[in-house]
N, C-alpha and C. Protein backbone atom coordinates (compact mmCIF):
# COMPACT_ATOMS: atom_id res chain seq x y z
N MET A 1 11.70 17.01 -10.84
CA MET A 1 12.55 17.17 -9.66
C MET A 1 13.06 15.82 -9.16
N SER A 2 12.19 14.84 -8.97
CA SER A 2 12.63 13.58 -8.40
C SER A 2 13.58 12.83 -9.33
N THR A 3 13.33 12.87 -10.63
CA THR A 3 14.22 12.20 -11.57
C THR A 3 15.62 12.79 -11.48
N ASN A 4 15.73 14.11 -11.40
CA ASN A 4 17.04 14.74 -11.27
C ASN A 4 17.73 14.32 -9.99
N ALA A 5 16.98 14.22 -8.90
CA ALA A 5 17.56 13.78 -7.63
C ALA A 5 18.03 12.33 -7.73
N GLN A 6 17.26 11.49 -8.41
CA GLN A 6 17.67 10.09 -8.58
C GLN A 6 18.96 10.00 -9.38
N TRP A 7 19.03 10.75 -10.46
CA TRP A 7 20.23 10.72 -11.31
C TRP A 7 21.43 11.29 -10.56
N ALA A 8 21.22 12.38 -9.82
CA ALA A 8 22.31 12.97 -9.04
C ALA A 8 22.84 11.97 -8.01
N LEU A 9 21.93 11.23 -7.38
CA LEU A 9 22.35 10.23 -6.40
C LEU A 9 23.12 9.10 -7.07
N GLN A 10 22.65 8.60 -8.20
CA GLN A 10 23.36 7.53 -8.89
C GLN A 10 24.75 7.98 -9.33
N LYS A 11 24.85 9.20 -9.87
CA LYS A 11 26.17 9.72 -10.28
C LYS A 11 27.10 9.84 -9.08
N ALA A 12 26.58 10.31 -7.95
CA ALA A 12 27.40 10.45 -6.74
C ALA A 12 27.86 9.09 -6.24
N LEU A 13 26.97 8.11 -6.25
CA LEU A 13 27.35 6.75 -5.84
C LEU A 13 28.45 6.20 -6.73
N LEU A 14 28.32 6.39 -8.02
CA LEU A 14 29.33 5.91 -8.96
C LEU A 14 30.67 6.60 -8.71
N GLY A 15 30.63 7.89 -8.41
CA GLY A 15 31.86 8.62 -8.09
C GLY A 15 32.54 8.07 -6.85
N VAL A 16 31.75 7.77 -5.83
CA VAL A 16 32.29 7.20 -4.59
C VAL A 16 32.91 5.83 -4.86
N LEU A 17 32.22 5.00 -5.62
CA LEU A 17 32.73 3.66 -5.91
C LEU A 17 34.00 3.72 -6.75
N ASN A 18 34.08 4.66 -7.68
CA ASN A 18 35.27 4.83 -8.52
C ASN A 18 36.48 5.28 -7.72
N ALA A 19 36.26 5.92 -6.58
CA ALA A 19 37.36 6.43 -5.77
C ALA A 19 37.77 5.47 -4.65
N ASP A 20 37.09 4.34 -4.52
CA ASP A 20 37.32 3.44 -3.40
C ASP A 20 38.25 2.29 -3.81
N PRO A 21 39.41 2.16 -3.16
CA PRO A 21 40.37 1.11 -3.53
C PRO A 21 39.81 -0.31 -3.37
N ALA A 22 39.02 -0.56 -2.33
CA ALA A 22 38.47 -1.91 -2.13
C ALA A 22 37.48 -2.27 -3.24
N THR A 23 36.69 -1.30 -3.67
CA THR A 23 35.74 -1.54 -4.75
C THR A 23 36.49 -1.78 -6.06
N MET A 24 37.54 -1.00 -6.30
CA MET A 24 38.33 -1.17 -7.52
C MET A 24 39.07 -2.51 -7.51
N ALA A 25 39.46 -2.99 -6.33
CA ALA A 25 40.14 -4.29 -6.25
C ALA A 25 39.22 -5.43 -6.70
N ILE A 26 37.94 -5.30 -6.45
CA ILE A 26 36.97 -6.33 -6.86
C ILE A 26 36.50 -6.12 -8.30
N PHE A 27 36.13 -4.89 -8.62
CA PHE A 27 35.46 -4.60 -9.90
C PHE A 27 36.36 -3.96 -10.95
N GLY A 28 37.65 -3.88 -10.69
CA GLY A 28 38.60 -3.45 -11.70
C GLY A 28 38.71 -1.95 -11.89
N ASN A 29 39.66 -1.58 -12.74
CA ASN A 29 39.88 -0.20 -13.11
C ASN A 29 40.17 -0.17 -14.61
N PRO A 30 39.24 0.29 -15.45
CA PRO A 30 38.03 1.02 -15.09
C PRO A 30 37.00 0.12 -14.40
N LEU A 31 36.25 0.75 -13.54
CA LEU A 31 35.29 0.07 -12.68
C LEU A 31 34.18 -0.59 -13.51
N ARG A 32 33.91 -1.85 -13.20
CA ARG A 32 32.82 -2.57 -13.87
C ARG A 32 31.55 -2.47 -13.03
N VAL A 33 31.04 -1.26 -12.93
CA VAL A 33 29.74 -0.98 -12.30
C VAL A 33 28.92 -0.28 -13.37
N TYR A 34 27.83 -0.92 -13.77
CA TYR A 34 27.11 -0.49 -14.97
C TYR A 34 25.68 -0.08 -14.69
N ASP A 35 25.23 0.90 -15.47
CA ASP A 35 23.81 1.22 -15.58
C ASP A 35 23.25 0.43 -16.76
N ASP A 36 24.07 0.24 -17.77
CA ASP A 36 23.72 -0.54 -18.96
C ASP A 36 24.85 -1.54 -19.19
N VAL A 37 24.58 -2.81 -18.96
CA VAL A 37 25.62 -3.84 -19.01
C VAL A 37 26.04 -4.10 -20.45
N PRO A 38 27.36 -4.16 -20.71
CA PRO A 38 27.81 -4.50 -22.07
C PRO A 38 27.36 -5.92 -22.45
N GLU A 39 27.42 -6.20 -23.73
CA GLU A 39 26.91 -7.48 -24.22
C GLU A 39 27.65 -8.69 -23.65
N GLN A 40 28.96 -8.62 -23.49
CA GLN A 40 29.73 -9.72 -22.92
C GLN A 40 30.59 -9.18 -21.78
N PRO A 41 29.99 -8.96 -20.61
CA PRO A 41 30.72 -8.34 -19.51
C PRO A 41 31.77 -9.27 -18.91
N VAL A 42 32.78 -8.66 -18.35
CA VAL A 42 33.79 -9.38 -17.58
C VAL A 42 33.27 -9.49 -16.15
N PHE A 43 33.34 -10.69 -15.58
CA PHE A 43 32.91 -10.92 -14.20
C PHE A 43 34.08 -10.70 -13.26
N PRO A 44 33.86 -10.31 -12.03
CA PRO A 44 32.59 -9.86 -11.46
C PRO A 44 32.29 -8.43 -11.91
N TYR A 45 31.02 -8.09 -11.85
CA TYR A 45 30.61 -6.72 -12.13
C TYR A 45 29.39 -6.41 -11.28
N ALA A 46 29.06 -5.13 -11.21
CA ALA A 46 27.89 -4.69 -10.44
C ALA A 46 27.00 -3.86 -11.35
N THR A 47 25.72 -3.83 -11.01
CA THR A 47 24.76 -3.06 -11.80
C THR A 47 23.88 -2.22 -10.89
N PHE A 48 23.48 -1.08 -11.42
CA PHE A 48 22.40 -0.32 -10.79
C PHE A 48 21.11 -0.97 -11.26
N ASP A 49 20.24 -1.31 -10.35
CA ASP A 49 19.01 -2.00 -10.70
C ASP A 49 17.82 -1.11 -10.35
N ARG A 50 16.95 -1.59 -9.53
CA ARG A 50 15.72 -0.89 -9.16
C ARG A 50 16.03 0.44 -8.49
N ALA A 51 15.21 1.44 -8.79
CA ALA A 51 15.33 2.75 -8.12
C ALA A 51 13.94 3.36 -8.03
N SER A 52 13.55 3.73 -6.82
CA SER A 52 12.26 4.40 -6.64
C SER A 52 12.48 5.61 -5.73
N VAL A 53 11.57 6.55 -5.83
CA VAL A 53 11.68 7.77 -5.03
C VAL A 53 10.27 8.23 -4.67
N ARG A 54 10.17 8.82 -3.48
CA ARG A 54 8.88 9.38 -3.07
C ARG A 54 9.13 10.55 -2.14
N PRO A 55 8.21 11.52 -2.13
CA PRO A 55 8.33 12.63 -1.18
C PRO A 55 8.21 12.09 0.24
N ILE A 56 8.93 12.71 1.15
CA ILE A 56 8.86 12.26 2.54
C ILE A 56 7.58 12.73 3.21
N ASN A 57 7.35 14.04 3.22
CA ASN A 57 6.07 14.56 3.72
C ASN A 57 5.95 16.04 3.39
N ALA A 58 4.76 16.57 3.57
CA ALA A 58 4.50 17.96 3.20
C ALA A 58 5.23 18.95 4.10
N ASP A 59 5.59 18.54 5.31
CA ASP A 59 6.29 19.43 6.24
C ASP A 59 7.77 19.61 5.88
N TRP A 60 8.26 18.83 4.96
CA TRP A 60 9.67 18.89 4.55
C TRP A 60 9.72 18.94 3.02
N PRO A 61 9.31 20.09 2.45
CA PRO A 61 9.24 20.18 0.99
C PRO A 61 10.61 19.99 0.35
N GLY A 62 10.63 19.26 -0.74
CA GLY A 62 11.88 19.02 -1.44
C GLY A 62 12.67 17.84 -0.92
N ALA A 63 12.19 17.22 0.17
CA ALA A 63 12.88 16.05 0.72
C ALA A 63 12.32 14.78 0.08
N LEU A 64 13.23 13.91 -0.34
CA LEU A 64 12.84 12.69 -1.03
C LEU A 64 13.50 11.48 -0.39
N GLU A 65 12.75 10.39 -0.33
CA GLU A 65 13.29 9.11 0.11
C GLU A 65 13.54 8.25 -1.12
N HIS A 66 14.76 7.76 -1.25
CA HIS A 66 15.15 6.92 -2.38
C HIS A 66 15.35 5.49 -1.89
N GLN A 67 14.86 4.55 -2.65
CA GLN A 67 15.17 3.13 -2.45
C GLN A 67 15.90 2.69 -3.71
N MET A 68 17.11 2.17 -3.54
CA MET A 68 17.91 1.75 -4.70
C MET A 68 18.44 0.34 -4.47
N THR A 69 18.62 -0.38 -5.55
CA THR A 69 19.21 -1.71 -5.49
C THR A 69 20.44 -1.76 -6.40
N LEU A 70 21.53 -2.22 -5.83
CA LEU A 70 22.73 -2.55 -6.59
C LEU A 70 22.84 -4.08 -6.60
N LYS A 71 23.30 -4.63 -7.71
CA LYS A 71 23.49 -6.07 -7.79
C LYS A 71 24.93 -6.38 -8.17
N VAL A 72 25.43 -7.47 -7.61
CA VAL A 72 26.75 -7.98 -7.93
C VAL A 72 26.56 -9.30 -8.67
N TRP A 73 27.31 -9.48 -9.74
CA TRP A 73 27.24 -10.70 -10.55
C TRP A 73 28.60 -11.36 -10.56
N SER A 74 28.64 -12.66 -10.23
CA SER A 74 29.91 -13.37 -10.12
C SER A 74 29.78 -14.76 -10.73
N GLN A 75 30.87 -15.23 -11.35
CA GLN A 75 30.94 -16.61 -11.83
C GLN A 75 32.00 -17.40 -11.07
N TYR A 76 32.49 -16.84 -10.00
CA TYR A 76 33.49 -17.51 -9.18
C TYR A 76 32.87 -18.79 -8.62
N GLY A 77 33.66 -19.78 -8.31
CA GLY A 77 33.15 -21.07 -7.82
C GLY A 77 32.63 -21.00 -6.40
N GLY A 78 31.56 -20.32 -6.19
CA GLY A 78 30.95 -20.20 -4.87
C GLY A 78 30.53 -18.76 -4.60
N ARG A 79 30.10 -18.52 -3.37
CA ARG A 79 29.54 -17.22 -2.98
C ARG A 79 30.61 -16.17 -2.65
N ARG A 80 31.83 -16.60 -2.45
CA ARG A 80 32.87 -15.72 -1.89
C ARG A 80 33.02 -14.41 -2.66
N GLU A 81 33.17 -14.47 -3.96
CA GLU A 81 33.40 -13.26 -4.75
C GLU A 81 32.20 -12.32 -4.68
N ALA A 82 30.99 -12.87 -4.72
CA ALA A 82 29.78 -12.04 -4.61
C ALA A 82 29.72 -11.37 -3.24
N LEU A 83 30.06 -12.12 -2.20
CA LEU A 83 30.09 -11.54 -0.84
C LEU A 83 31.16 -10.46 -0.72
N ASP A 84 32.33 -10.71 -1.30
CA ASP A 84 33.39 -9.69 -1.28
C ASP A 84 32.93 -8.42 -2.00
N GLY A 85 32.23 -8.59 -3.12
CA GLY A 85 31.69 -7.44 -3.85
C GLY A 85 30.69 -6.66 -3.02
N LEU A 86 29.78 -7.38 -2.35
CA LEU A 86 28.82 -6.71 -1.46
C LEU A 86 29.53 -5.94 -0.36
N HIS A 87 30.52 -6.58 0.25
CA HIS A 87 31.27 -5.94 1.33
C HIS A 87 31.95 -4.67 0.85
N ALA A 88 32.56 -4.72 -0.32
CA ALA A 88 33.24 -3.53 -0.86
C ALA A 88 32.24 -2.41 -1.15
N LEU A 89 31.13 -2.74 -1.79
CA LEU A 89 30.11 -1.71 -2.08
C LEU A 89 29.58 -1.09 -0.80
N ARG A 90 29.21 -1.94 0.15
CA ARG A 90 28.65 -1.46 1.42
C ARG A 90 29.65 -0.57 2.14
N GLY A 91 30.90 -0.99 2.21
CA GLY A 91 31.92 -0.20 2.89
C GLY A 91 32.13 1.16 2.26
N ALA A 92 32.20 1.20 0.93
CA ALA A 92 32.40 2.47 0.23
C ALA A 92 31.22 3.41 0.44
N ILE A 93 30.02 2.89 0.33
CA ILE A 93 28.82 3.72 0.45
C ILE A 93 28.64 4.22 1.88
N ASN A 94 28.83 3.35 2.86
CA ASN A 94 28.62 3.75 4.26
C ASN A 94 29.67 4.72 4.75
N ALA A 95 30.87 4.71 4.16
CA ALA A 95 31.96 5.57 4.62
C ALA A 95 32.02 6.91 3.90
N ALA A 96 31.20 7.10 2.89
CA ALA A 96 31.39 8.24 2.00
C ALA A 96 30.53 9.44 2.35
N SER A 97 31.07 10.60 2.03
CA SER A 97 30.23 11.80 1.95
C SER A 97 30.08 12.06 0.46
N MET A 98 28.88 12.33 0.03
CA MET A 98 28.60 12.42 -1.40
C MET A 98 27.98 13.76 -1.76
N PRO A 99 28.70 14.60 -2.47
CA PRO A 99 28.06 15.80 -3.00
C PRO A 99 27.17 15.43 -4.18
N LEU A 100 25.97 15.99 -4.21
CA LEU A 100 25.01 15.73 -5.28
C LEU A 100 24.74 17.02 -6.02
N ASP A 101 24.60 16.94 -7.33
CA ASP A 101 24.27 18.11 -8.14
C ASP A 101 22.88 18.62 -7.79
N GLY A 102 22.80 19.83 -7.22
CA GLY A 102 21.52 20.47 -6.94
C GLY A 102 20.77 19.93 -5.75
N HIS A 103 21.36 18.97 -5.04
CA HIS A 103 20.69 18.35 -3.90
C HIS A 103 21.71 18.12 -2.78
N GLN A 104 21.19 17.89 -1.61
CA GLN A 104 22.04 17.55 -0.47
C GLN A 104 21.65 16.16 0.00
N LEU A 105 22.65 15.33 0.26
CA LEU A 105 22.40 14.01 0.81
C LEU A 105 22.25 14.15 2.32
N VAL A 106 21.08 13.80 2.83
CA VAL A 106 20.84 13.85 4.27
C VAL A 106 21.42 12.61 4.92
N ASN A 107 21.13 11.44 4.36
CA ASN A 107 21.74 10.20 4.83
C ASN A 107 21.59 9.11 3.78
N VAL A 108 22.42 8.10 3.92
CA VAL A 108 22.33 6.91 3.07
C VAL A 108 22.76 5.72 3.93
N ARG A 109 22.05 4.61 3.77
CA ARG A 109 22.42 3.40 4.52
C ARG A 109 21.98 2.18 3.75
N THR A 110 22.65 1.08 4.00
CA THR A 110 22.23 -0.18 3.40
C THR A 110 21.15 -0.78 4.28
N THR A 111 20.15 -1.38 3.65
CA THR A 111 19.01 -1.92 4.40
C THR A 111 18.86 -3.42 4.27
N PHE A 112 19.51 -4.03 3.26
CA PHE A 112 19.31 -5.46 3.03
C PHE A 112 20.40 -5.96 2.09
N ALA A 113 20.83 -7.18 2.31
CA ALA A 113 21.77 -7.83 1.39
C ALA A 113 21.45 -9.32 1.32
N ASP A 114 21.64 -9.90 0.15
CA ASP A 114 21.38 -11.33 -0.05
C ASP A 114 22.26 -11.82 -1.20
N VAL A 115 22.63 -13.10 -1.15
CA VAL A 115 23.41 -13.72 -2.22
C VAL A 115 22.76 -15.05 -2.56
N PHE A 116 22.63 -15.34 -3.85
CA PHE A 116 22.05 -16.61 -4.26
C PHE A 116 22.55 -16.98 -5.65
N ARG A 117 22.49 -18.27 -5.93
CA ARG A 117 22.89 -18.78 -7.25
C ARG A 117 21.71 -18.65 -8.21
N ILE A 118 22.00 -18.22 -9.43
CA ILE A 118 20.98 -18.19 -10.47
C ILE A 118 20.73 -19.64 -10.88
N ARG A 119 19.48 -20.04 -10.90
CA ARG A 119 19.09 -21.43 -11.18
C ARG A 119 19.74 -21.94 -12.48
N SER A 120 20.23 -23.17 -12.43
CA SER A 120 20.85 -23.84 -13.58
C SER A 120 21.99 -23.03 -14.18
N SER A 121 22.82 -22.46 -13.31
CA SER A 121 23.88 -21.58 -13.78
C SER A 121 25.04 -21.59 -12.80
N ARG A 122 26.19 -21.11 -13.25
CA ARG A 122 27.35 -20.92 -12.37
C ARG A 122 27.37 -19.51 -11.80
N VAL A 123 26.41 -18.69 -12.17
CA VAL A 123 26.40 -17.28 -11.80
C VAL A 123 25.74 -17.09 -10.44
N PHE A 124 26.42 -16.31 -9.59
CA PHE A 124 25.83 -15.88 -8.33
C PHE A 124 25.40 -14.43 -8.46
N GLU A 125 24.26 -14.13 -7.90
CA GLU A 125 23.73 -12.76 -7.87
C GLU A 125 23.66 -12.32 -6.41
N ALA A 126 24.13 -11.14 -6.15
CA ALA A 126 24.05 -10.55 -4.81
C ALA A 126 23.27 -9.24 -4.92
N ILE A 127 22.43 -8.99 -3.94
CA ILE A 127 21.58 -7.80 -3.94
C ILE A 127 21.96 -6.94 -2.74
N LEU A 128 22.08 -5.65 -2.98
CA LEU A 128 22.32 -4.68 -1.91
C LEU A 128 21.29 -3.57 -2.05
N ASN A 129 20.39 -3.48 -1.07
CA ASN A 129 19.38 -2.43 -1.08
C ASN A 129 19.86 -1.25 -0.24
N LEU A 130 19.60 -0.05 -0.76
CA LEU A 130 19.99 1.19 -0.08
C LEU A 130 18.76 2.05 0.15
N ARG A 131 18.82 2.83 1.20
CA ARG A 131 17.84 3.87 1.44
C ARG A 131 18.61 5.17 1.60
N ALA A 132 18.20 6.19 0.88
CA ALA A 132 18.84 7.50 0.98
C ALA A 132 17.77 8.57 1.10
N VAL A 133 18.11 9.65 1.76
CA VAL A 133 17.23 10.82 1.84
C VAL A 133 18.01 11.99 1.27
N THR A 134 17.36 12.71 0.34
CA THR A 134 17.96 13.91 -0.24
C THR A 134 17.00 15.07 -0.08
N GLU A 135 17.56 16.26 -0.17
CA GLU A 135 16.72 17.46 -0.21
C GLU A 135 17.29 18.41 -1.25
N VAL A 136 16.40 19.21 -1.81
CA VAL A 136 16.78 20.17 -2.84
C VAL A 136 17.58 21.29 -2.20
N LEU A 137 18.68 21.68 -2.83
CA LEU A 137 19.43 22.86 -2.37
C LEU A 137 18.70 24.11 -2.83
N ILE A 138 18.56 25.04 -1.93
CA ILE A 138 17.86 26.29 -2.27
C ILE A 138 18.87 27.41 -2.38
């Protein structure tokens, strides 16, 4: 059950990002948001990273809390492009209503963001953490 909810949420997020003009302006069309990064990706791009899920409580059967991390990767000369990518992702996710296969999205929000340079590199990494609550459709 939880794996299906996680996959449904990731697919819904990708659908929202694919439909958002600001996200496409940063990450291109076709969108460079990956679950599995190609061998030589074009920068900037974003990735689905960490994902965890847990039941909320016994009084709300079928309800799950998801913690997800999206990352932005940039080789632009500074933080600007990574920050623009974070802003686009956050805006698309916070503004969207997302239908999920077999589940209902109760809420989704961003909980944390950070940008930093990868040591000894020109690459900047940005992290966007999300919290979502889903429940099984009956």
